N, C-alpha and C. Protein backbone atom coordinates (compact mmCIF):
# COMPACT_ATOMS: atom_id res chain seq x y z
N MET A 1 14.99 11.33 -4.13
CA MET A 1 14.01 11.01 -3.29
C MET A 1 14.76 10.35 -2.19
N GLU A 2 14.74 10.83 -1.05
CA GLU A 2 14.96 9.95 0.20
C GLU A 2 14.07 8.48 0.14
N PRO A 3 14.80 7.43 0.65
CA PRO A 3 14.23 6.18 0.65
C PRO A 3 13.35 5.98 1.67
N ILE A 4 12.35 5.41 1.52
CA ILE A 4 11.03 4.92 1.95
C ILE A 4 10.92 3.60 2.85
N LYS A 5 10.91 3.42 4.03
CA LYS A 5 10.82 2.07 4.75
C LYS A 5 9.35 1.28 4.40
N VAL A 6 9.70 -0.11 3.89
CA VAL A 6 8.17 -0.69 3.69
C VAL A 6 8.50 -2.01 4.31
N ILE A 7 7.47 -2.66 4.32
CA ILE A 7 7.39 -3.72 5.02
C ILE A 7 6.04 -4.91 4.49
N PHE A 8 6.30 -5.91 3.91
CA PHE A 8 5.21 -7.01 3.37
C PHE A 8 4.85 -8.17 4.25
N GLN A 9 3.69 -8.43 4.96
CA GLN A 9 3.45 -8.97 5.79
C GLN A 9 2.49 -10.35 5.27
N SER A 10 2.20 -10.34 3.95
CA SER A 10 1.41 -11.32 3.51
C SER A 10 1.79 -11.11 1.73
N MET A 11 1.86 -12.26 0.94
CA MET A 11 2.02 -12.54 -0.27
C MET A 11 0.70 -11.32 -1.18
N GLU A 12 -0.43 -11.21 -0.06
CA GLU A 12 -1.36 -10.29 -0.94
C GLU A 12 -1.08 -8.86 -0.84
N ASP A 13 -0.10 -8.55 0.27
CA ASP A 13 0.69 -7.16 0.50
C ASP A 13 1.23 -6.82 -0.95
N CYS A 14 2.45 -8.17 -1.12
CA CYS A 14 3.44 -7.95 -2.45
C CYS A 14 2.55 -7.78 -3.60
N GLN A 15 1.34 -8.48 -3.74
CA GLN A 15 0.67 -8.46 -4.67
C GLN A 15 -0.10 -6.94 -5.21
N LYS A 16 -0.72 -6.65 -3.95
CA LYS A 16 -1.69 -5.32 -3.77
C LYS A 16 -0.35 -4.05 -4.17
N PHE A 17 0.81 -4.46 -3.80
CA PHE A 17 2.05 -3.15 -3.80
C PHE A 17 2.57 -3.23 -5.82
N VAL A 18 2.40 -4.52 -6.21
CA VAL A 18 2.96 -4.78 -7.54
C VAL A 18 1.74 -3.78 -8.49
N ILE A 19 0.55 -4.11 -8.17
CA ILE A 19 -0.34 -3.99 -8.73
C ILE A 19 -0.63 -2.26 -8.88
N ALA A 20 -0.36 -1.79 -7.84
CA ALA A 20 -0.06 0.06 -7.71
C ALA A 20 0.71 0.77 -7.94
N VAL A 21 1.82 0.12 -8.41
CA VAL A 21 3.08 0.60 -8.89
C VAL A 21 3.43 0.26 -10.58
N GLU A 22 2.88 -0.71 -10.99
CA GLU A 22 3.60 -1.38 -12.34
C GLU A 22 3.16 -0.32 -13.48
N ASN A 23 2.45 0.59 -13.54
CA ASN A 23 2.15 1.26 -14.57
C ASN A 23 2.58 2.61 -14.60
N TYR A 24 3.74 2.83 -13.74
CA TYR A 24 4.46 4.38 -13.47
C TYR A 24 5.27 4.17 -14.20
N PRO A 25 5.73 5.37 -15.29
CA PRO A 25 6.60 5.22 -16.56
C PRO A 25 8.33 5.43 -15.94
N PHE A 26 8.62 5.11 -14.46
CA PHE A 26 9.73 5.17 -14.21
C PHE A 26 10.03 3.97 -12.95
N ASN A 27 11.50 3.91 -12.85
CA ASN A 27 12.06 2.78 -12.19
C ASN A 27 11.68 2.95 -10.65
N ILE A 28 11.29 1.56 -10.11
CA ILE A 28 10.91 1.64 -8.51
C ILE A 28 11.63 0.67 -7.99
N ASP A 29 12.93 0.95 -7.49
CA ASP A 29 13.44 -0.17 -6.70
C ASP A 29 13.14 -0.30 -5.14
N LEU A 30 13.50 -1.88 -4.56
CA LEU A 30 13.57 -2.53 -3.16
C LEU A 30 14.77 -2.66 -2.94
N GLN A 31 15.52 -2.58 -1.74
CA GLN A 31 16.95 -2.39 -1.41
C GLN A 31 16.86 -3.17 -0.13
N SER A 32 17.37 -4.50 -0.10
CA SER A 32 18.08 -4.72 1.27
C SER A 32 18.98 -5.26 1.57
N GLY A 33 20.03 -4.18 2.42
CA GLY A 33 21.67 -4.67 2.31
C GLY A 33 21.98 -4.03 0.72
N ARG A 34 22.74 -5.30 0.12
CA ARG A 34 23.30 -4.45 -0.94
C ARG A 34 22.70 -5.05 -1.88
N GLN A 35 21.66 -5.71 -2.11
CA GLN A 35 20.52 -6.41 -2.74
C GLN A 35 19.61 -5.04 -3.28
N ILE A 36 19.65 -5.00 -4.19
CA ILE A 36 18.68 -3.98 -5.22
C ILE A 36 17.56 -5.05 -5.96
N ILE A 37 16.43 -4.88 -6.01
CA ILE A 37 15.64 -5.53 -7.06
C ILE A 37 14.48 -4.46 -7.83
N ASP A 38 13.87 -4.93 -8.66
CA ASP A 38 12.96 -4.17 -9.37
C ASP A 38 11.47 -3.94 -8.62
N GLY A 39 11.18 -3.06 -7.94
CA GLY A 39 10.06 -3.09 -7.24
C GLY A 39 8.75 -3.50 -8.13
N LYS A 40 8.82 -3.55 -9.43
CA LYS A 40 7.55 -3.94 -10.23
C LYS A 40 7.58 -5.28 -10.18
N SER A 41 8.46 -6.29 -9.57
CA SER A 41 8.58 -7.69 -9.75
C SER A 41 7.61 -8.34 -8.33
N ILE A 42 6.86 -9.13 -8.70
CA ILE A 42 6.59 -9.63 -7.60
C ILE A 42 7.57 -10.86 -7.03
N LEU A 43 8.08 -11.88 -7.99
CA LEU A 43 8.81 -12.54 -7.57
C LEU A 43 10.27 -12.03 -6.77
N GLY A 44 10.56 -11.10 -7.43
CA GLY A 44 11.44 -10.22 -6.63
C GLY A 44 11.21 -10.00 -5.42
N ILE A 45 10.04 -9.33 -5.31
CA ILE A 45 9.96 -8.86 -3.58
C ILE A 45 9.86 -10.04 -2.82
N LEU A 46 8.78 -11.31 -3.45
CA LEU A 46 8.86 -12.26 -2.44
C LEU A 46 10.33 -13.17 -2.21
N GLY A 47 11.21 -13.03 -3.40
CA GLY A 47 12.60 -13.76 -3.01
C GLY A 47 13.12 -12.86 -1.74
N PHE A 48 12.78 -11.59 -1.58
CA PHE A 48 13.48 -11.19 -0.48
C PHE A 48 12.93 -11.67 0.98
N GLY A 49 11.56 -12.05 0.78
CA GLY A 49 10.54 -12.57 1.97
C GLY A 49 9.95 -12.00 2.58
N LEU A 50 9.08 -12.68 3.52
CA LEU A 50 7.69 -11.30 4.22
C LEU A 50 8.79 -10.95 5.37
N TYR A 51 8.20 -9.76 6.31
CA TYR A 51 8.44 -9.28 7.45
C TYR A 51 9.81 -8.99 7.29
N ARG A 52 10.46 -8.32 6.60
CA ARG A 52 11.68 -7.55 6.22
C ARG A 52 11.40 -6.42 5.78
N THR A 53 12.19 -5.73 6.12
CA THR A 53 12.18 -4.04 6.45
C THR A 53 13.00 -3.71 5.09
N LEU A 54 12.54 -3.04 4.16
CA LEU A 54 12.93 -2.80 2.64
C LEU A 54 13.05 -1.07 2.38
N ASP A 55 14.03 -0.74 1.88
CA ASP A 55 13.96 0.65 1.59
C ASP A 55 13.46 0.61 0.23
N LEU A 56 12.49 1.62 -0.17
CA LEU A 56 11.87 1.99 -1.62
C LEU A 56 12.43 3.05 -2.19
N ARG A 57 12.85 3.10 -3.39
CA ARG A 57 13.43 4.31 -3.72
C ARG A 57 12.42 4.58 -5.34
N LEU A 58 11.78 5.48 -5.19
CA LEU A 58 11.06 5.89 -6.42
C LEU A 58 12.19 7.08 -7.58
N HIS A 59 12.23 6.58 -8.63
CA HIS A 59 13.60 7.36 -9.37
C HIS A 59 12.74 8.70 -10.51
N THR A 60 11.80 9.30 -9.53
CA THR A 60 11.15 10.37 -10.23
C THR A 60 11.55 11.70 -9.54
N ASP A 61 11.67 12.70 -10.43
CA ASP A 61 11.31 14.10 -9.70
C ASP A 61 10.21 14.86 -9.66
N ASP A 62 9.16 14.22 -10.16
CA ASP A 62 7.52 14.36 -9.96
C ASP A 62 7.29 14.31 -8.55
N GLU A 63 7.15 15.17 -7.85
CA GLU A 63 6.60 15.23 -6.47
C GLU A 63 5.22 14.69 -6.50
N LYS A 64 4.26 15.18 -7.65
CA LYS A 64 2.92 14.78 -7.31
C LYS A 64 2.61 13.03 -7.84
N LEU A 65 3.38 12.44 -8.84
CA LEU A 65 3.38 10.95 -8.88
C LEU A 65 3.59 10.51 -7.65
N ALA A 66 4.90 10.90 -6.98
CA ALA A 66 5.31 10.14 -5.75
C ALA A 66 4.30 10.28 -4.87
N GLU A 67 3.96 11.22 -4.74
CA GLU A 67 2.93 11.27 -3.23
C GLU A 67 1.74 10.28 -3.81
N GLU A 68 1.02 10.30 -5.31
CA GLU A 68 0.34 9.51 -5.57
C GLU A 68 0.48 7.97 -5.47
N ILE A 69 1.82 7.29 -5.51
CA ILE A 69 2.31 6.34 -5.29
C ILE A 69 2.30 5.91 -3.48
N LEU A 70 2.83 6.84 -2.79
CA LEU A 70 2.61 6.61 -1.58
C LEU A 70 1.51 6.36 -0.91
N ASN A 71 0.18 6.84 -1.51
CA ASN A 71 -1.03 7.29 -0.94
C ASN A 71 -1.20 5.87 -1.30
N LYS A 72 -1.22 5.34 -2.38
CA LYS A 72 -1.96 3.92 -2.87
C LYS A 72 -0.98 2.78 -2.17
N ILE A 73 0.16 3.15 -1.75
CA ILE A 73 0.67 1.58 -1.19
C ILE A 73 1.38 2.20 0.66
N GLU A 74 0.13 3.01 1.13
CA GLU A 74 0.38 3.08 2.24
C GLU A 74 0.20 2.42 3.55
N PHE A 75 -0.45 1.10 2.90
CA PHE A 75 -0.79 -0.04 3.86
C PHE A 75 0.47 -0.93 4.15
N CYS A 76 1.83 -0.73 3.33
CA CYS A 76 2.88 -1.17 3.41
C CYS A 76 4.07 -0.45 4.30
N ILE A 77 3.52 0.77 4.40
CA ILE A 77 4.98 1.70 4.80
C ILE A 77 4.87 1.74 6.12
N CYS A 78 6.40 1.35 6.32
CA CYS A 78 6.46 1.29 8.37
C CYS A 78 6.35 2.53 8.66
N ARG A 79 5.68 2.55 9.89
CA ARG A 79 5.79 3.33 10.94
C ARG A 79 6.32 2.92 12.01
N GLU A 80 6.74 4.27 12.85
CA GLU A 80 7.75 4.19 14.05
C GLU A 80 7.36 3.28 14.88
N ASN A 81 5.86 2.83 15.24
CA ASN A 81 5.42 1.98 16.27
C ASN A 81 4.82 0.39 15.92
N MET A 82 4.95 0.18 14.60
CA MET A 82 4.22 -0.70 13.88
C MET A 82 4.75 -1.98 14.41
N SER A 83 3.44 -2.46 14.54
CA SER A 83 3.64 -3.93 15.28
C SER A 83 3.44 -5.39 14.24
N ILE A 84 3.87 -6.10 14.52
CA ILE A 84 3.83 -7.15 13.04
C ILE A 84 3.32 -8.59 14.21
N ALA A 85 2.27 -8.97 13.88
CA ALA A 85 1.82 -9.93 14.20
C ALA A 85 2.07 -11.56 13.47
N ILE A 86 3.00 -12.33 14.30
CA ILE A 86 3.78 -13.51 13.35
C ILE A 86 3.11 -14.61 13.99
C-alpha cells in the first residue's frame, strides 16, 4: 500500500489515532525522513512532534481493513489545501 500523508495538530489527535489503530493485527509505521516509528506508540508519535507531515504505512494486503482504518483516522489525513492554525 502506498504511504498516506498524516499530520497531528494536538496531543488529543495523537491519542485518538493510537486508540483507532492499536488493535489491528498488523504493523503500522509512521515515517519522517529516515526515521520510522511504531504507529501504535503515542510516545513515538509525540517524539516526532506536532504539525509535521508524516508518511503512514499500513502493512496489510487486506483492503477492507485498510479502508476501515482510513475512515477512522480521517481527522489526521492531509488534504491538498489543508490549513494549519498555529
